[in-house]
C-alpha atoms as a PDB file:
ATOM      1  CA  UNK A   1     -42.603  70.097-119.085  1.00  0.00           C
ATOM      2  CA  UNK A   2     -40.200  67.507-118.530  1.00  0.00           C
ATOM      3  CA  UNK A   3     -36.496  68.696-118.362  1.00  0.00           C
ATOM      4  CA  UNK A   4     -33.700  67.030-120.289  1.00  0.00           C
ATOM      5  CA  UNK A   5     -31.593  64.275-118.489  1.00  0.00           C
ATOM      6  CA  UNK A   6     -28.353  65.491-117.168  1.00  0.00           C
ATOM      7  CA  UNK A   7     -26.159  62.584-118.176  1.00  0.00           C
ATOM      8  CA  UNK A   8     -22.326  62.745-117.807  1.00  0.00           C
ATOM      9  CA  UNK A   9     -20.106  63.156-121.030  1.00  0.00           C
ATOM     10  CA  UNK A  10     -16.950  61.017-120.710  1.00  0.00           C
ATOM     11  CA  UNK A  11     -13.800  61.454-122.845  1.00  0.00           C
ATOM     12  CA  UNK A  12     -12.212  57.815-123.192  1.00  0.00           C
ATOM     13  CA  UNK A  13      -9.012  59.419-124.369  1.00  0.00           C
ATOM     14  CA  UNK A  14      -8.156  60.804-121.031  1.00  0.00           C
ATOM     15  CA  UNK A  15      -4.584  60.274-119.778  1.00  0.00           C
ATOM     16  CA  UNK A  16      -5.572  58.626-116.538  1.00  0.00           C
ATOM     17  CA  UNK A  17      -7.480  55.595-117.718  1.00  0.00           C
ATOM     18  CA  UNK A  18      -8.249  54.379-114.012  1.00  0.00           C
ATOM     19  CA  UNK A  19     -10.049  57.655-113.299  1.00  0.00           C
ATOM     20  CA  UNK A  20     -11.860  57.267-116.662  1.00  0.00           C
ATOM     21  CA  UNK A  21     -12.931  53.792-115.456  1.00  0.00           C
ATOM     22  CA  UNK A  22     -14.143  55.111-112.200  1.00  0.00           C
ATOM     23  CA  UNK A  23     -16.047  57.993-113.764  1.00  0.00           C
ATOM     24  CA  UNK A  24     -17.591  55.461-116.234  1.00  0.00           C
ATOM     25  CA  UNK A  25     -18.828  53.194-113.476  1.00  0.00           C
ATOM     26  CA  UNK A  26     -20.225  55.926-111.343  1.00  0.00           C
ATOM     27  CA  UNK A  27     -22.213  57.203-114.397  1.00  0.00           C
ATOM     28  CA  UNK A  28     -23.531  53.633-114.972  1.00  0.00           C
ATOM     29  CA  UNK A  29     -24.418  53.318-111.336  1.00  0.00           C
ATOM     30  CA  UNK A  30     -26.438  56.570-111.079  1.00  0.00           C
ATOM     31  CA  UNK A  31     -28.043  56.801-114.633  1.00  0.00           C
ATOM     32  CA  UNK A  32     -27.342  53.714-116.701  1.00  0.00           C
ATOM     33  CA  UNK A  33     -26.511  55.704-119.577  1.00  0.00           C
ATOM     34  CA  UNK A  34     -23.205  57.540-120.380  1.00  0.00           C
ATOM     35  CA  UNK A  35     -22.458  59.887-123.292  1.00  0.00           C
ATOM     36  CA  UNK A  36     -19.025  58.700-124.886  1.00  0.00           C
ATOM     37  CA  UNK A  37     -17.316  61.896-126.422  1.00  0.00           C
ATOM     38  CA  UNK A  38     -17.077  61.288-130.124  1.00  0.00           C
ATOM     39  CA  UNK A  39     -13.638  62.392-130.783  1.00  0.00           C
ATOM     40  CA  UNK A  40     -13.407  60.108-133.981  1.00  0.00           C
ATOM     41  CA  UNK A  41     -10.509  58.071-132.321  1.00  0.00           C
ATOM     42  CA  UNK A  42     -12.544  54.900-131.612  1.00  0.00           C
ATOM     43  CA  UNK A  43     -15.097  55.061-134.282  1.00  0.00           C
ATOM     44  CA  UNK A  44     -14.266  57.676-137.148  1.00  0.00           C
ATOM     45  CA  UNK A  45     -16.986  60.309-137.834  1.00  0.00           C
ATOM     46  CA  UNK A  46     -16.701  59.368-141.591  1.00  0.00           C
ATOM     47  CA  UNK A  47     -17.594  55.566-140.584  1.00  0.00           C
ATOM     48  CA  UNK A  48     -20.625  56.779-138.716  1.00  0.00           C
ATOM     49  CA  UNK A  49     -21.793  59.065-141.553  1.00  0.00           C
ATOM     50  CA  UNK A  50     -21.240  56.163-144.121  1.00  0.00           C
ATOM     51  CA  UNK A  51     -23.457  53.824-141.691  1.00  0.00           C
ATOM     52  CA  UNK A  52     -26.282  56.010-141.646  1.00  0.00           C
ATOM     53  CA  UNK A  53     -25.992  56.749-145.689  1.00  0.00           C
ATOM     54  CA  UNK A  54     -26.241  52.841-145.864  1.00  0.00           C
ATOM     55  CA  UNK A  55     -29.148  52.776-143.483  1.00  0.00           C
ATOM     56  CA  UNK A  56     -31.253  55.201-145.464  1.00  0.00           C
ATOM     57  CA  UNK A  57     -30.321  53.343-148.720  1.00  0.00           C
ATOM     58  CA  UNK A  58     -31.581  50.047-146.919  1.00  0.00           C
ATOM     59  CA  UNK A  59     -35.013  51.453-145.733  1.00  0.00           C
ATOM     60  CA  UNK A  60     -35.668  53.088-149.333  1.00  0.00           C
ATOM     61  CA  UNK A  61     -35.097  49.533-150.747  1.00  0.00           C
ATOM     62  CA  UNK A  62     -38.143  47.836-152.679  1.00  0.00           C
ATOM     63  CA  UNK A  63     -40.474  46.265-150.055  1.00  0.00           C
ATOM     64  CA  UNK A  64     -40.068  42.911-151.697  1.00  0.00           C
ATOM     65  CA  UNK A  65     -36.257  43.062-150.988  1.00  0.00           C
ATOM     66  CA  UNK A  66     -36.887  43.738-147.303  1.00  0.00           C
ATOM     67  CA  UNK A  67     -39.644  41.126-147.017  1.00  0.00           C
ATOM     68  CA  UNK A  68     -37.273  38.423-148.380  1.00  0.00           C
ATOM     69  CA  UNK A  69     -35.004  39.204-145.444  1.00  0.00           C
ATOM     70  CA  UNK A  70     -37.847  39.088-142.757  1.00  0.00           C
ATOM     71  CA  UNK A  71     -36.404  38.696-139.238  1.00  0.00           C
ATOM     72  CA  UNK A  72     -36.162  35.089-137.931  1.00  0.00           C
ATOM     73  CA  UNK A  73     -35.703  33.659-134.395  1.00  0.00           C
ATOM     74  CA  UNK A  74     -31.947  34.128-134.636  1.00  0.00           C
ATOM     75  CA  UNK A  75     -32.982  37.872-134.374  1.00  0.00           C
ATOM     76  CA  UNK A  76     -31.397  38.578-137.632  1.00  0.00           C
ATOM     77  CA  UNK A  77     -33.081  40.495-140.667  1.00  0.00           C
ATOM     78  CA  UNK A  78     -35.878  43.130-141.119  1.00  0.00           C
ATOM     79  CA  UNK A  79     -38.748  43.865-138.976  1.00  0.00           C
ATOM     80  CA  UNK A  80     -41.724  45.908-140.482  1.00  0.00           C
ATOM     81  CA  UNK A  81     -43.794  48.714-139.029  1.00  0.00           C
ATOM     82  CA  UNK A  82     -45.662  47.526-135.809  1.00  0.00           C
ATOM     83  CA  UNK A  83     -43.912  43.993-135.821  1.00  0.00           C
ATOM     84  CA  UNK A  84     -41.915  44.398-132.778  1.00  0.00           C
ATOM     85  CA  UNK A  85     -43.586  45.324-129.554  1.00  0.00           C
ATOM     86  CA  UNK A  86     -41.110  46.351-126.849  1.00  0.00           C
ATOM     87  CA  UNK A  87     -43.724  47.108-124.223  1.00  0.00           C
ATOM     88  CA  UNK A  88     -46.411  44.398-124.874  1.00  0.00           C
ATOM     89  CA  UNK A  89     -48.219  45.008-121.450  1.00  0.00           C
ATOM     90  CA  UNK A  90     -48.948  48.672-122.244  1.00  0.00           C
ATOM     91  CA  UNK A  91     -48.964  48.989-126.110  1.00  0.00           C
ATOM     92  CA  UNK A  92     -52.075  48.534-128.077  1.00  0.00           C
ATOM     93  CA  UNK A  93     -50.219  48.328-131.150  1.00  0.00           C
ATOM     94  CA  UNK A  94     -46.662  47.484-132.146  1.00  0.00           C
ATOM     95  CA  UNK A  95     -43.692  49.849-132.324  1.00  0.00           C
ATOM     96  CA  UNK A  96     -43.843  52.683-135.048  1.00  0.00           C
ATOM     97  CA  UNK A  97     -40.330  51.805-136.443  1.00  0.00           C
ATOM     98  CA  UNK A  98     -38.799  49.728-139.116  1.00  0.00           C
ATOM     99  CA  UNK A  99     -35.610  47.870-138.288  1.00  0.00           C
ATOM    100  CA  UNK A 100     -32.980  45.611-139.801  1.00  0.00           C
ATOM    101  CA  UNK A 101     -30.665  43.368-137.371  1.00  0.00           C
ATOM    102  CA  UNK A 102     -27.141  42.470-138.808  1.00  0.00           C
ATOM    103  CA  UNK A 103     -25.607  39.309-137.037  1.00  0.00           C
ATOM    104  CA  UNK A 104     -22.170  37.845-137.452  1.00  0.00           C
ATOM    105  CA  UNK A 105     -20.051  38.704-140.538  1.00  0.00           C
ATOM    106  CA  UNK A 106     -17.340  36.503-141.723  1.00  0.00           C
ATOM    107  CA  UNK A 107     -14.536  37.825-143.967  1.00  0.00           C
ATOM    108  CA  UNK A 108     -16.738  40.755-144.565  1.00  0.00           C
ATOM    109  CA  UNK A 109     -19.829  38.769-145.416  1.00  0.00           C
ATOM    110  CA  UNK A 110     -23.090  38.660-143.715  1.00  0.00           C
ATOM    111  CA  UNK A 111     -24.159  35.279-142.480  1.00  0.00           C
ATOM    112  CA  UNK A 112     -27.821  36.274-143.247  1.00  0.00           C
ATOM    113  CA  UNK A 113     -30.016  37.372-146.346  1.00  0.00           C
ATOM    114  CA  UNK A 114     -29.529  40.909-146.945  1.00  0.00           C
ATOM    115  CA  UNK A 115     -31.406  43.086-149.586  1.00  0.00           C
ATOM    116  CA  UNK A 116     -29.507  43.326-152.994  1.00  0.00           C
ATOM    117  CA  UNK A 117     -29.628  47.117-152.682  1.00  0.00           C
ATOM    118  CA  UNK A 118     -27.011  47.141-150.047  1.00  0.00           C
ATOM    119  CA  UNK A 119     -25.017  44.279-151.408  1.00  0.00           C
ATOM    120  CA  UNK A 120     -22.289  46.491-152.551  1.00  0.00           C
ATOM    121  CA  UNK A 121     -22.164  47.904-148.939  1.00  0.00           C
ATOM    122  CA  UNK A 122     -21.576  44.674-147.318  1.00  0.00           C
ATOM    123  CA  UNK A 123     -17.967  45.240-146.454  1.00  0.00           C
ATOM    124  CA  UNK A 124     -18.717  48.578-145.197  1.00  0.00           C
ATOM    125  CA  UNK A 125     -21.392  47.292-142.860  1.00  0.00           C
ATOM    126  CA  UNK A 126     -19.024  44.663-141.545  1.00  0.00           C
ATOM    127  CA  UNK A 127     -16.238  47.221-140.901  1.00  0.00           C
ATOM    128  CA  UNK A 128     -18.508  49.362-138.993  1.00  0.00           C
ATOM    129  CA  UNK A 129     -19.847  46.517-136.948  1.00  0.00           C
ATOM    130  CA  UNK A 130     -16.196  45.567-136.124  1.00  0.00           C
ATOM    131  CA  UNK A 131     -15.550  49.027-134.992  1.00  0.00           C
ATOM    132  CA  UNK A 132     -18.553  48.908-132.697  1.00  0.00           C
ATOM    133  CA  UNK A 133     -17.508  45.699-131.338  1.00  0.00           C
ATOM    134  CA  UNK A 134     -14.106  46.938-130.613  1.00  0.00           C
ATOM    135  CA  UNK A 135     -15.426  49.936-128.692  1.00  0.00           C
ATOM    136  CA  UNK A 136     -17.641  47.626-126.756  1.00  0.00           C
ATOM    137  CA  UNK A 137     -14.793  45.557-125.556  1.00  0.00           C
ATOM    138  CA  UNK A 138     -12.908  48.689-124.408  1.00  0.00           C
ATOM    139  CA  UNK A 139     -15.778  49.722-122.458  1.00  0.00           C
ATOM    140  CA  UNK A 140     -16.335  46.291-120.835  1.00  0.00           C
ATOM    141  CA  UNK A 141     -12.553  46.532-119.975  1.00  0.00           C
ATOM    142  CA  UNK A 142     -12.981  49.865-118.352  1.00  0.00           C
ATOM    143  CA  UNK A 143     -16.050  48.788-116.360  1.00  0.00           C
ATOM    144  CA  UNK A 144     -14.271  45.912-115.061  1.00  0.00           C
ATOM    145  CA  UNK A 145     -11.381  48.207-114.045  1.00  0.00           C
ATOM    146  CA  UNK A 146     -13.793  50.571-112.354  1.00  0.00           C
ATOM    147  CA  UNK A 147     -15.628  47.928-110.311  1.00  0.00           C
ATOM    148  CA  UNK A 148     -12.333  46.358-109.336  1.00  0.00           C
ATOM    149  CA  UNK A 149     -13.502  43.016-110.734  1.00  0.00           C
ATOM    150  CA  UNK A 150     -10.891  40.237-110.492  1.00  0.00           C
ATOM    151  CA  UNK A 151      -9.636  39.547-113.073  1.00  0.00           C
ATOM    152  CA  UNK A 152     -10.246  43.156-114.386  1.00  0.00           C
ATOM    153  CA  UNK A 153     -10.801  41.694-117.927  1.00  0.00           C
ATOM    154  CA  UNK A 154     -13.795  39.309-116.825  1.00  0.00           C
ATOM    155  CA  UNK A 155     -16.379  41.214-118.860  1.00  0.00           C
ATOM    156  CA  UNK A 156     -14.135  41.464-121.741  1.00  0.00           C
ATOM    157  CA  UNK A 157     -13.077  37.935-122.010  1.00  0.00           C
ATOM    158  CA  UNK A 158     -16.900  36.910-121.886  1.00  0.00           C
ATOM    159  CA  UNK A 159     -17.363  38.704-124.944  1.00  0.00           C
ATOM    160  CA  UNK A 160     -14.389  37.437-127.252  1.00  0.00           C
ATOM    161  CA  UNK A 161     -15.630  35.974-130.498  1.00  0.00           C
ATOM    162  CA  UNK A 162     -13.170  32.963-129.732  1.00  0.00           C
ATOM    163  CA  UNK A 163     -15.449  32.103-126.750  1.00  0.00           C
ATOM    164  CA  UNK A 164     -18.311  31.174-129.041  1.00  0.00           C
ATOM    165  CA  UNK A 165     -21.288  32.476-130.772  1.00  0.00           C
ATOM    166  CA  UNK A 166     -23.121  35.478-129.172  1.00  0.00           C
ATOM    167  CA  UNK A 167     -26.411  37.440-129.728  1.00  0.00           C
ATOM    168  CA  UNK A 168     -24.492  40.696-130.625  1.00  0.00           C
ATOM    169  CA  UNK A 169     -26.352  42.774-133.191  1.00  0.00           C
ATOM    170  CA  UNK A 170     -25.876  45.865-135.353  1.00  0.00           C
ATOM    171  CA  UNK A 171     -29.407  47.464-135.788  1.00  0.00           C
ATOM    172  CA  UNK A 172     -30.410  49.864-138.415  1.00  0.00           C
ATOM    173  CA  UNK A 173     -33.632  51.950-137.444  1.00  0.00           C
ATOM    174  CA  UNK A 174     -35.990  54.294-139.216  1.00  0.00           C
ATOM    175  CA  UNK A 175     -38.961  55.914-137.365  1.00  0.00           C
ATOM    176  CA  UNK A 176     -41.568  57.523-139.420  1.00  0.00           C
ATOM    177  CA  UNK A 177     -42.927  61.028-138.572  1.00  0.00           C
ATOM    178  CA  UNK A 178     -46.257  61.329-136.905  1.00  0.00           C
ATOM    179  CA  UNK A 179     -47.850  62.759-140.051  1.00  0.00           C
ATOM    180  CA  UNK A 180     -47.241  59.578-141.802  1.00  0.00           C
ATOM    181  CA  UNK A 181     -49.036  57.346-139.402  1.00  0.00           C
ATOM    182  CA  UNK A 182     -52.833  56.838-139.869  1.00  0.00           C
ATOM    183  CA  UNK A 183     -53.219  54.649-136.681  1.00  0.00           C
ATOM    184  CA  UNK A 184     -52.594  57.443-134.287  1.00  0.00           C
ATOM    185  CA  UNK A 185     -55.798  59.423-132.994  1.00  0.00           C
ATOM    186  CA  UNK A 186     -55.198  63.077-132.376  1.00  0.00           C
ATOM    187  CA  UNK A 187     -53.669  63.557-129.042  1.00  0.00           C
ATOM    188  CA  UNK A 188     -52.923  59.850-128.737  1.00  0.00           C
ATOM    189  CA  UNK A 189     -49.986  59.044-126.472  1.00  0.00           C
ATOM    190  CA  UNK A 190     -48.662  56.241-128.682  1.00  0.00           C
ATOM    191  CA  UNK A 191     -44.841  55.921-128.548  1.00  0.00           C
ATOM    192  CA  UNK A 192     -42.561  55.090-131.366  1.00  0.00           C
ATOM    193  CA  UNK A 193     -40.747  52.379-129.288  1.00  0.00           C
ATOM    194  CA  UNK A 194     -42.311  51.096-126.180  1.00  0.00           C
ATOM    195  CA  UNK A 195     -40.567  51.217-122.787  1.00  0.00           C
ATOM    196  CA  UNK A 196     -37.980  48.579-122.212  1.00  0.00           C
ATOM    197  CA  UNK A 197     -34.680  47.659-121.029  1.00  0.00           C
ATOM    198  CA  UNK A 198     -31.869  46.289-123.357  1.00  0.00           C
ATOM    199  CA  UNK A 199     -31.280  42.564-123.556  1.00  0.00           C
ATOM    200  CA  UNK A 200     -27.680  42.499-123.712  1.00  0.00           C
ATOM    201  CA  UNK A 201     -24.580  43.692-121.635  1.00  0.00           C
ATOM    202  CA  UNK A 202     -24.140  47.165-122.991  1.00  0.00           C
ATOM    203  CA  UNK A 203     -25.605  49.230-126.107  1.00  0.00           C
ATOM    204  CA  UNK A 204     -24.082  51.884-128.232  1.00  0.00           C
ATOM    205  CA  UNK A 205     -26.438  54.211-129.867  1.00  0.00           C
ATOM    206  CA  UNK A 206     -25.581  56.654-132.701  1.00  0.00           C
ATOM    207  CA  UNK A 207     -28.073  59.486-133.342  1.00  0.00           C
ATOM    208  CA  UNK A 208     -28.441  62.480-135.847  1.00  0.00           C
ATOM    209  CA  UNK A 209     -28.603  66.071-134.943  1.00  0.00           C
ATOM    210  CA  UNK A 210     -31.946  67.468-134.769  1.00  0.00           C
ATOM    211  CA  UNK A 211     -33.746  64.066-134.276  1.00  0.00           C
ATOM    212  CA  UNK A 212     -34.858  63.594-130.707  1.00  0.00           C
ATOM    213  CA  UNK A 213     -37.173  61.184-129.207  1.00  0.00           C
ATOM    214  CA  UNK A 214     -35.319  59.118-126.760  1.00  0.00           C
ATOM    215  CA  UNK A 215     -36.505  59.271-123.064  1.00  0.00           C
ATOM    216  CA  UNK A 216     -35.263  57.511-119.893  1.00  0.00           C
ATOM    217  CA  UNK A 217     -37.307  56.556-116.657  1.00  0.00           C
ATOM    218  CA  UNK A 218     -35.890  58.103-113.763  1.00  0.00           C
ATOM    219  CA  UNK A 219     -35.095  56.534-110.355  1.00  0.00           C
ATOM    220  CA  UNK A 220     -38.647  57.539-108.999  1.00  0.00           C
ATOM    221  CA  UNK A 221     -40.331  55.093-111.612  1.00  0.00           C
ATOM    222  CA  UNK A 222     -42.583  57.679-112.831  1.00  0.00           C
ATOM    223  CA  UNK A 223     -40.716  60.503-114.616  1.00  0.00           C
ATOM    224  CA  UNK A 224     -39.619  60.336-118.178  1.00  0.00           C
ATOM    225  CA  UNK A 225     -36.742  62.660-119.056  1.00  0.00           C
ATOM    226  CA  UNK A 226     -35.724  63.396-122.708  1.00  0.00           C
ATOM    227  CA  UNK A 227     -32.210  62.615-123.689  1.00  0.00           C
ATOM    228  CA  UNK A 228     -30.509  65.262-125.902  1.00  0.00           C
ATOM    229  CA  UNK A 229     -28.759  64.154-129.077  1.00  0.00           C
ATOM    230  CA  UNK A 230     -26.321  67.125-128.516  1.00  0.00           C
ATOM    231  CA  UNK A 231     -25.784  67.800-124.501  1.00  0.00           C
ATOM    232  CA  UNK A 232     -24.030  70.807-123.475  1.00  0.00           C
ATOM    233  CA  UNK A 233     -20.521  71.197-124.162  1.00  0.00           C
ATOM    234  CA  UNK A 234     -20.378  68.901-127.151  1.00  0.00           C
ATOM    235  CA  UNK A 235     -21.977  71.470-129.608  1.00  0.00           C
ATOM    236  CA  UNK A 236     -18.844  72.017-131.595  1.00  0.00           C
ATOM    237  CA  UNK A 237     -17.665  68.332-131.665  1.00  0.00           C
ATOM    238  CA  UNK A 238     -17.524  66.753-135.171  1.00  0.00           C
ATOM    239  CA  UNK A 239     -20.468  64.373-134.304  1.00  0.00           C
ATOM    240  CA  UNK A 240     -22.926  64.121-131.494  1.00  0.00           C
ATOM    241  CA  UNK A 241     -21.558  61.870-128.650  1.00  0.00           C
ATOM    242  CA  UNK A 242     -22.166  58.176-128.798  1.00  0.00           C
ATOM    243  CA  UNK A 243     -24.613  56.964-126.165  1.00  0.00           C
ATOM    244  CA  UNK A 244     -23.608  54.013-123.962  1.00  0.00           C
ATOM    245  CA  UNK A 245     -26.489  52.373-121.852  1.00  0.00           C
ATOM    246  CA  UNK A 246     -26.141  49.441-119.510  1.00  0.00           C
ATOM    247  CA  UNK A 247     -28.043  46.232-120.389  1.00  0.00           C
ATOM    248  CA  UNK A 248     -29.777  43.500-118.423  1.00  0.00           C
ATOM    249  CA  UNK A 249     -26.837  41.287-118.376  1.00  0.00           C
ATOM    250  CA  UNK A 250     -24.179  43.864-116.909  1.00  0.00           C
ATOM    251  CA  UNK A 251     -27.109  44.453-114.162  1.00  0.00           C
ATOM    252  CA  UNK A 252     -27.294  40.741-113.497  1.00  0.00           C
ATOM    253  CA  UNK A 253     -23.354  40.286-113.388  1.00  0.00           C
ATOM    254  CA  UNK A 254     -23.326  43.253-110.751  1.00  0.00           C
ATOM    255  CA  UNK A 255     -26.519  42.362-108.644  1.00  0.00           C
ATOM    256  CA  UNK A 256     -28.253  45.604-109.806  1.00  0.00           C
ATOM    257  CA  UNK A 257     -25.335  48.064-108.982  1.00  0.00           C
ATOM    258  CA  UNK A 258     -25.030  48.894-112.670  1.00  0.00           C
ATOM    259  CA  UNK A 259     -28.511  50.112-113.774  1.00  0.00           C
ATOM    260  CA  UNK A 260     -30.317  48.575-116.845  1.00  0.00           C
ATOM    261  CA  UNK A 261     -32.470  51.736-117.143  1.00  0.00           C
ATOM    262  CA  UNK A 262     -35.772  51.587-118.841  1.00  0.00           C
ATOM    263  CA  UNK A 263     -36.080  53.852-121.898  1.00  0.00           C
ATOM    264  CA  UNK A 264     -38.444  54.580-124.971  1.00  0.00           C
ATOM    265  CA  UNK A 265     -38.720  56.562-128.077  1.00  0.00           C
ATOM    266  CA  UNK A 266     -41.628  59.097-128.553  1.00  0.00           C
ATOM    267  CA  UNK A 267     -42.762  61.345-131.097  1.00  0.00           C
ATOM    268  CA  UNK A 268     -41.368  64.961-130.706  1.00  0.00           C
ATOM    269  CA  UNK A 269     -43.642  67.418-129.333  1.00  0.00           C
ATOM    270  CA  UNK A 270     -44.121  70.957-130.905  1.00  0.00           C
ATOM    271  CA  UNK A 271     -42.161  72.547-127.936  1.00  0.00           C
ATOM    272  CA  UNK A 272     -38.767  71.659-127.207  1.00  0.00           C
ATOM    273  CA  UNK A 273     -38.334  70.803-123.301  1.00  0.00           C
ATOM    274  CA  UNK A 274     -35.416  72.689-121.440  1.00  0.00           C
ATOM    275  CA  UNK A 275     -32.167  71.489-122.547  1.00  0.00           C
ATOM    276  CA  UNK A 276     -33.541  70.332-125.981  1.00  0.00           C
ATOM    277  CA  UNK A 277     -33.761  73.628-127.808  1.00  0.00           C
ATOM    278  CA  UNK A 278     -33.379  73.046-131.471  1.00  0.00           C
ATOM    279  CA  UNK A 279     -34.410  69.237-131.163  1.00  0.00           C
ATOM    280  CA  UNK A 280     -37.973  69.318-132.248  1.00  0.00           C
ATOM    281  CA  UNK A 281     -37.624  67.531-135.687  1.00  0.00           C
ATOM    282  CA  UNK A 282     -40.800  66.437-137.491  1.00  0.00           C
ATOM    283  CA  UNK A 283     -39.435  64.304-140.108  1.00  0.00           C
ATOM    284  CA  UNK A 284     -38.417  60.624-140.022  1.00  0.00           C
ATOM    285  CA  UNK A 285     -35.964  59.543-137.172  1.00  0.00           C
ATOM    286  CA  UNK A 286     -32.730  57.319-138.009  1.00  0.00           C
ATOM    287  CA  UNK A 287     -30.666  55.804-135.403  1.00  0.00           C
ATOM    288  CA  UNK A 288     -28.145  52.914-135.226  1.00  0.00           C
ATOM    289  CA  UNK A 289     -27.641  50.734-132.136  1.00  0.00           C
ATOM    290  CA  UNK A 290     -25.150  48.177-131.542  1.00  0.00           C
ATOM    291  CA  UNK A 291     -26.192  45.667-128.878  1.00  0.00           C
ATOM    292  CA  UNK A 292     -23.118  43.995-127.373  1.00  0.00           C
ATOM    293  CA  UNK A 293     -23.714  40.319-126.055  1.00  0.00           C
ATOM    294  CA  UNK A 294     -21.301  37.932-124.477  1.00  0.00           C
ATOM    295  CA  UNK A 295     -21.135  34.330-125.741  1.00  0.00           C
ATOM    296  CA  UNK A 296     -24.474  32.454-125.406  1.00  0.00           C
ATOM    297  CA  UNK A 297     -23.326  30.100-122.503  1.00  0.00           C
ATOM    298  CA  UNK A 298     -22.270  32.879-120.176  1.00  0.00           C
ATOM    299  CA  UNK A 299     -23.599  32.485-116.754  1.00  0.00           C
ATOM    300  CA  UNK A 300     -25.171  35.596-115.121  1.00  0.00           C
ATOM    301  CA  UNK A 301     -24.243  35.256-111.428  1.00  0.00           C
ATOM    302  CA  UNK A 302     -22.564  38.167-109.623  1.00  0.00           C
ATOM    303  CA  UNK A 303     -18.960  38.756-110.482  1.00  0.00           C
ATOM    304  CA  UNK A 304     -15.981  38.748-108.226  1.00  0.00           C
ATOM    305  CA  UNK A 305     -15.973  42.279-107.130  1.00  0.00           C
ATOM    306  CA  UNK A 306     -15.817  43.796-103.546  1.00  0.00           C
ATOM    307  CA  UNK A 307     -17.904  46.817-104.953  1.00  0.00           C
ATOM    308  CA  UNK A 308     -20.625  44.395-106.040  1.00  0.00           C
ATOM    309  CA  UNK A 309     -20.399  42.245-103.079  1.00  0.00           C
ATOM    310  CA  UNK A 310     -20.870  45.271-100.712  1.00  0.00           C
ATOM    311  CA  UNK A 311     -23.800  46.513-102.804  1.00  0.00           C
ATOM    312  CA  UNK A 312     -27.092  46.136-100.762  1.00  0.00           C
ATOM    313  CA  UNK A 313     -29.626  47.571-103.113  1.00  0.00           C
ATOM    314  CA  UNK A 314     -30.108  44.074-104.739  1.00  0.00           C
ATOM    315  CA  UNK A 315     -30.920  43.239-108.250  1.00  0.00           C
ATOM    316  CA  UNK A 316     -34.355  44.647-108.472  1.00  0.00           C
ATOM    317  CA  UNK A 317     -32.833  48.173-107.932  1.00  0.00           C
ATOM    318  CA  UNK A 318     -31.130  48.108-111.517  1.00  0.00           C
ATOM    319  CA  UNK A 319     -32.890  45.470-113.527  1.00  0.00           C
ATOM    320  CA  UNK A 320     -36.509  45.371-114.478  1.00  0.00           C
ATOM    321  CA  UNK A 321     -36.347  41.578-115.141  1.00  0.00           C
ATOM    322  CA  UNK A 322     -35.025  40.753-111.665  1.00  0.00           C
ATOM    323  CA  UNK A 323     -37.592  38.454-110.805  1.00  0.00           C
ATOM    324  CA  UNK A 324     -36.762  36.146-113.776  1.00  0.00           C
ATOM    325  CA  UNK A 325     -34.672  33.134-113.193  1.00  0.00           C
ATOM    326  CA  UNK A 326     -32.307  32.828-115.950  1.00  0.00           C
ATOM    327  CA  UNK A 327     -28.914  31.246-115.971  1.00  0.00           C
ATOM    328  CA  UNK A 328     -27.210  31.999-119.248  1.00  0.00           C
ATOM    329  CA  UNK A 329     -27.155  34.903-121.757  1.00  0.00           C
ATOM    330  CA  UNK A 330     -28.779  32.897-124.421  1.00  0.00           C
ATOM    331  CA  UNK A 331     -31.785  32.007-122.038  1.00  0.00           C
ATOM    332  CA  UNK A 332     -32.320  35.620-121.358  1.00  0.00           C
ATOM    333  CA  UNK A 333     -32.131  36.776-124.861  1.00  0.00           C
ATOM    334  CA  UNK A 334     -34.668  34.200-125.925  1.00  0.00           C
ATOM    335  CA  UNK A 335     -37.026  35.069-122.953  1.00  0.00           C
ATOM    336  CA  UNK A 336     -37.000  38.763-124.180  1.00  0.00           C
ATOM    337  CA  UNK A 337     -37.312  37.837-127.835  1.00  0.00           C
ATOM    338  CA  UNK A 338     -40.182  35.830-127.315  1.00  0.00           C
ATOM    339  CA  UNK A 339     -41.988  38.773-125.507  1.00  0.00           C
ATOM    340  CA  UNK A 340     -41.356  41.351-128.237  1.00  0.00           C
ATOM    341  CA  UNK A 341     -41.975  39.108-131.407  1.00  0.00           C
ATOM    342  CA  UNK A 342     -45.274  37.342-130.374  1.00  0.00           C
ATOM    343  CA  UNK A 343     -45.981  37.093-134.217  1.00  0.00           C
ATOM    344  CA  UNK A 344     -42.676  35.475-135.048  1.00  0.00           C
ATOM    345  CA  UNK A 345     -43.005  32.887-132.467  1.00  0.00           C
ATOM    346  CA  UNK A 346     -46.614  32.147-133.041  1.00  0.00           C
ATOM    347  CA  UNK A 347     -45.845  31.556-136.831  1.00  0.00           C
ATOM    348  CA  UNK A 348     -43.225  29.139-135.874  1.00  0.00           C
ATOM    349  CA  UNK A 349     -40.665  30.456-138.103  1.00  0.00           C
ATOM    350  CA  UNK A 350     -36.993  29.091-137.994  1.00  0.00           C
END
């Protein structure tokens, strides 16, 4: 039986921010995933609870409302069950999840269709997205400091909205319980979301207690390790820690030093693996992700950092898309979207 991943928990509010930055970088190098202790300082617990409440409301909306907001090639909107396939080479059917992607908001207003059911919550969603963006900028700054990038705000400046449009997305997700899926044969190893790395620079993931399922692929390239929602030492925190992971673009920028770790979401088994006691939920699973992207024209060459320059592992060590020749953030995003949404691109939607 797999044992739980031992991912470091980092408190961003530490007095010595240089040390916090170093700890963040070391965790990103070793694991690609880092727990950010949820003290409520960066993103209040009430804001997270409110976002989950809106998410449940959205997915319970009439099907016709969601279909009217079907996802387009700009990566905004609703994707139905089995519509997205994150691991097309190995999945026999699309992901067992429903999702809604929110792009940019302007003055609290979504720049895309949203279901009327959640129209009263539009400003709340916008505010939560802004909080996620602010935390992402803070993390990018710390990563720059920890890597000794010159200038240290190199990553942050590439993500400023003033630079131009980006692919940043706030995503609500709902995964049905195994009992609700008729396509699964007894004993089938189908996953809820296929194995993949994330498209952007970094991701913030919010989860609910008692709703496990996330697994990461360890360095041996064979072993899947479950990621606890509530790791040891955070049981008494007001909310589970926010999980941050490195995406493809930070891996490109650092020539593979920072790991864009492959991960997936599985159906929970009847037994809790070691380190995941009490995390064997059998109901629907909700999660919220914020995918942070730089402005679309950002070039993806190695950054000016002695640590990156001295790294001899090469891009293949930390990025599963190392063999792809991409020059900008937008080019990489389009490549990944075309692979995940084959129906969308075959249908020729805008």
